[in-house]
Structures are given as structure tokens and as C-alpha cells.
C-alpha atoms as a PDB file:
ATOM      1  CA  MET A   1      15.354   2.084   2.660  1.00  0.00           C
ATOM      2  CA  GLU A   2      16.075  -1.167   4.444  1.00  0.00           C
ATOM      3  CA  VAL A   3      14.844  -4.354   2.750  1.00  0.00           C
ATOM      4  CA  LYS A   4      13.823  -7.071   5.203  1.00  0.00           C
ATOM      5  CA  THR A   5      12.884 -10.714   4.707  1.00  0.00           C
ATOM      6  CA  VAL A   6       9.389 -11.947   5.504  1.00  0.00           C
ATOM      7  CA  THR A   7       8.537 -15.549   6.412  1.00  0.00           C
ATOM      8  CA  THR A   8       5.557 -17.647   5.415  1.00  0.00           C
ATOM      9  CA  ASP A   9       3.905 -16.703   8.721  1.00  0.00           C
ATOM     10  CA  GLY A  10       4.389 -13.020   7.938  1.00  0.00           C
ATOM     11  CA  LEU A  11       2.835 -13.464   4.520  1.00  0.00           C
ATOM     12  CA  PHE A  12      -0.064 -15.439   6.020  1.00  0.00           C
ATOM     13  CA  ARG A  13      -0.806 -12.543   8.368  1.00  0.00           C
ATOM     14  CA  LEU A  14      -1.741 -10.442   5.337  1.00  0.00           C
ATOM     15  CA  PHE A  15      -4.744 -12.649   4.776  1.00  0.00           C
ATOM     16  CA  THR A  16      -5.845 -12.557   8.397  1.00  0.00           C
ATOM     17  CA  ALA A  17      -5.358  -8.789   8.859  1.00  0.00           C
ATOM     18  CA  CYS A  18      -8.062  -6.555  10.198  1.00  0.00           C
ATOM     19  CA  PRO A  19     -10.033  -4.632   7.573  1.00  0.00           C
ATOM     20  CA  ASN A  20      -8.727  -1.325   8.955  1.00  0.00           C
ATOM     21  CA  ASP A  21      -5.042  -2.330   8.647  1.00  0.00           C
ATOM     22  CA  ALA A  22      -3.027  -0.556   5.970  1.00  0.00           C
ATOM     23  CA  LYS A  23      -3.185  -2.242   2.565  1.00  0.00           C
ATOM     24  CA  THR A  24      -0.023  -4.253   1.916  1.00  0.00           C
ATOM     25  CA  PHE A  25       1.056  -4.450  -1.701  1.00  0.00           C
ATOM     26  CA  VAL A  26       2.268  -7.896  -2.754  1.00  0.00           C
ATOM     27  CA  LEU A  27       4.411  -7.663  -5.889  1.00  0.00           C
ATOM     28  CA  ASP A  28       5.294 -10.708  -7.990  1.00  0.00           C
ATOM     29  CA  VAL A  29       8.526 -10.110  -9.915  1.00  0.00           C
ATOM     30  CA  ARG A  30       8.488 -13.431 -11.782  1.00  0.00           C
ATOM     31  CA  PRO A  31       7.905 -13.534 -15.555  1.00  0.00           C
ATOM     32  CA  HIS A  32       4.271 -12.844 -16.526  1.00  0.00           C
ATOM     33  CA  LYS A  33       3.872 -16.376 -17.870  1.00  0.00           C
ATOM     34  CA  GLU A  34       4.626 -17.805 -14.404  1.00  0.00           C
ATOM     35  CA  PHE A  35       2.312 -15.260 -12.788  1.00  0.00           C
ATOM     36  CA  GLN A  36      -0.524 -16.423 -15.054  1.00  0.00           C
ATOM     37  CA  LYS A  37      -0.006 -20.063 -14.015  1.00  0.00           C
ATOM     38  CA  SER A  38      -0.255 -19.261 -10.314  1.00  0.00           C
ATOM     39  CA  HIS A  39       0.309 -16.361  -7.964  1.00  0.00           C
ATOM     40  CA  ILE A  40      -0.425 -15.163  -4.473  1.00  0.00           C
ATOM     41  CA  MET A  41      -3.944 -13.837  -4.189  1.00  0.00           C
ATOM     42  CA  GLN A  42      -4.155 -10.031  -4.486  1.00  0.00           C
ATOM     43  CA  SER A  43      -0.643  -9.719  -5.975  1.00  0.00           C
ATOM     44  CA  TYR A  44       0.460  -7.601  -8.918  1.00  0.00           C
ATOM     45  CA  CYS A  45       2.940  -8.759 -11.591  1.00  0.00           C
ATOM     46  CA  ILE A  46       5.412  -5.864 -11.635  1.00  0.00           C
ATOM     47  CA  ARG A  47       8.376  -4.977 -13.862  1.00  0.00           C
ATOM     48  CA  LEU A  48      10.653  -1.968 -14.037  1.00  0.00           C
ATOM     49  CA  ALA A  49      10.049   0.128 -17.165  1.00  0.00           C
ATOM     50  CA  ALA A  50      12.801   0.079 -19.809  1.00  0.00           C
ATOM     51  CA  ASN A  51      13.758   3.644 -18.885  1.00  0.00           C
ATOM     52  CA  GLY A  52      14.062   2.669 -15.199  1.00  0.00           C
ATOM     53  CA  GLN A  53      11.696   5.467 -14.151  1.00  0.00           C
ATOM     54  CA  ALA A  54       8.482   3.587 -13.292  1.00  0.00           C
ATOM     55  CA  LEU A  55       7.008   0.274 -12.204  1.00  0.00           C
ATOM     56  CA  LEU A  56       4.601  -1.335 -14.670  1.00  0.00           C
ATOM     57  CA  ASP A  57       1.801  -3.775 -13.834  1.00  0.00           C
ATOM     58  CA  TYR A  58       1.642  -6.680 -16.271  1.00  0.00           C
ATOM     59  CA  SER A  59      -1.134  -8.446 -14.349  1.00  0.00           C
ATOM     60  CA  LYS A  60      -3.685  -5.692 -15.060  1.00  0.00           C
ATOM     61  CA  ASN A  61      -5.366  -6.645 -11.781  1.00  0.00           C
ATOM     62  CA  THR A  62      -7.322  -3.936 -10.031  1.00  0.00           C
ATOM     63  CA  TYR A  63      -8.548  -5.638  -6.852  1.00  0.00           C
ATOM     64  CA  ASP A  64      -9.672  -2.793  -4.607  1.00  0.00           C
ATOM     65  CA  VAL A  65      -6.722  -0.611  -5.703  1.00  0.00           C
ATOM     66  CA  ALA A  66      -5.780  -0.159  -9.350  1.00  0.00           C
ATOM     67  CA  TRP A  67      -2.024  -0.019  -9.971  1.00  0.00           C
ATOM     68  CA  GLN A  68      -0.733   3.474 -10.568  1.00  0.00           C
ATOM     69  CA  LYS A  69       2.608   5.237 -10.227  1.00  0.00           C
ATOM     70  CA  ASP A  70       2.261   6.092  -6.529  1.00  0.00           C
ATOM     71  CA  CYS A  71      -0.224   3.552  -5.155  1.00  0.00           C
ATOM     72  CA  TRP A  72       2.399   1.957  -2.848  1.00  0.00           C
ATOM     73  CA  TRP A  73       3.429   5.222  -1.181  1.00  0.00           C
ATOM     74  CA  ASP A  74       3.172   4.998   2.631  1.00  0.00           C
ATOM     75  CA  LYS A  75       2.108   1.330   2.368  1.00  0.00           C
ATOM     76  CA  PRO A  76       3.965  -1.862   3.299  1.00  0.00           C
ATOM     77  CA  VAL A  77       5.308  -3.734   0.240  1.00  0.00           C
ATOM     78  CA  ILE A  78       6.258  -7.416   0.000  1.00  0.00           C
ATOM     79  CA  LEU A  79       7.990  -8.739  -3.126  1.00  0.00           C
ATOM     80  CA  TYR A  80       8.325 -12.337  -4.179  1.00  0.00           C
ATOM     81  CA  GLY A  81       9.811 -14.251  -7.063  1.00  0.00           C
ATOM     82  CA  ASP A  82      12.090 -17.220  -7.324  1.00  0.00           C
ATOM     83  CA  PRO A  83      13.948 -18.353  -4.174  1.00  0.00           C
ATOM     84  CA  LYS A  84      17.087 -16.522  -5.389  1.00  0.00           C
ATOM     85  CA  LEU A  85      15.388 -13.104  -5.230  1.00  0.00           C
ATOM     86  CA  LYS A  86      17.803 -10.562  -3.734  1.00  0.00           C
ATOM     87  CA  LYS A  87      17.955  -6.898  -2.844  1.00  0.00           C
ATOM     88  CA  ASP A  88      19.717  -6.130  -6.139  1.00  0.00           C
ATOM     89  CA  HIS A  89      16.702  -7.178  -8.259  1.00  0.00           C
ATOM     90  CA  PRO A  90      15.702  -4.120 -10.361  1.00  0.00           C
ATOM     91  CA  VAL A  91      12.227  -3.771  -8.799  1.00  0.00           C
ATOM     92  CA  VAL A  92      13.541  -4.197  -5.242  1.00  0.00           C
ATOM     93  CA  ALA A  93      16.360  -1.713  -5.897  1.00  0.00           C
ATOM     94  CA  PHE A  94      13.917   0.797  -7.435  1.00  0.00           C
ATOM     95  CA  LEU A  95      11.586   0.652  -4.419  1.00  0.00           C
ATOM     96  CA  ALA A  96      14.469   0.849  -1.931  1.00  0.00           C
ATOM     97  CA  ALA A  97      15.932   3.895  -3.690  1.00  0.00           C
ATOM     98  CA  ASP A  98      12.493   5.486  -4.138  1.00  0.00           C
ATOM     99  CA  GLY A  99      11.890   5.390  -0.384  1.00  0.00           C
ATOM    100  CA  HIS A 100       8.150   6.021  -0.559  1.00  0.00           C
ATOM    101  CA  ALA A 101       7.014   2.608   0.712  1.00  0.00           C
ATOM    102  CA  LYS A 102       6.244   2.383   4.425  1.00  0.00           C
ATOM    103  CA  SER A 103       8.264  -0.832   4.593  1.00  0.00           C
ATOM    104  CA  LEU A 104       9.894  -3.163   2.095  1.00  0.00           C
ATOM    105  CA  ALA A 105      10.293  -6.930   2.453  1.00  0.00           C
ATOM    106  CA  ILE A 106      11.182  -9.932   0.325  1.00  0.00           C
ATOM    107  CA  TYR A 107       9.403 -13.261   0.651  1.00  0.00           C
ATOM    108  CA  LYS A 108      12.232 -15.660  -0.165  1.00  0.00           C
ATOM    109  CA  GLU A 109      10.484 -18.975   0.193  1.00  0.00           C
ATOM    110  CA  GLY A 110       9.403 -19.096  -3.443  1.00  0.00           C
END
């Protein structure tokens, strides 16, 4: 799956979307400690499991969708972390190889 880059304007559009638009999953791949200090509203703090077979939610946020093994299937996904976040990050690589997301993008502006 192709991994694109999203700008600040693209991320802003998530918060001005129509209620009937598909839910976009925003995944924070920074360490949990940084997530707890501040994070994008409605985001999940996600890590790849030690066995490399699943994505785990360290935020324990439910919002209107509780994190589960297939909750991102057929949904747009945006990942963010530090400004050096690249396509080879374990979570990005897992989602790209998995291919179940509707689209996959990285917010690189930190």
C-alpha cells in the first residue's frame, strides 16, 4: 500500500469533516509518555506487538470506536510521531504490508 504525506491542512480537515464521512484513525507512534503529555484529539497511542503480529493501543482511549485488531480496516489512517517519522517505522510498515486500511498517510510536521 502506498504511504502518502498529509499536511497540517489535511489534518485540520479531519476536525471539520461531515458526520457521515468515514472515520479516520489518527495513530500516535511516539512513546506513551509523550502521548500522555499532549496528543492530537481522538488519536490512539499505537505500538507494534513484540511478535510483530498485531498493533497494540497504549492510550486505552475508546472515543466512539474502541481499538481492536481490525478497527482500521477500510478506513483512512494517519500516523504521526516525531518529524523524522518515515515509511520504515514498524507501525507504518505493518499497516502498509497489511493493506487493509483504505488509505495510509504520515503527518510529518511533528
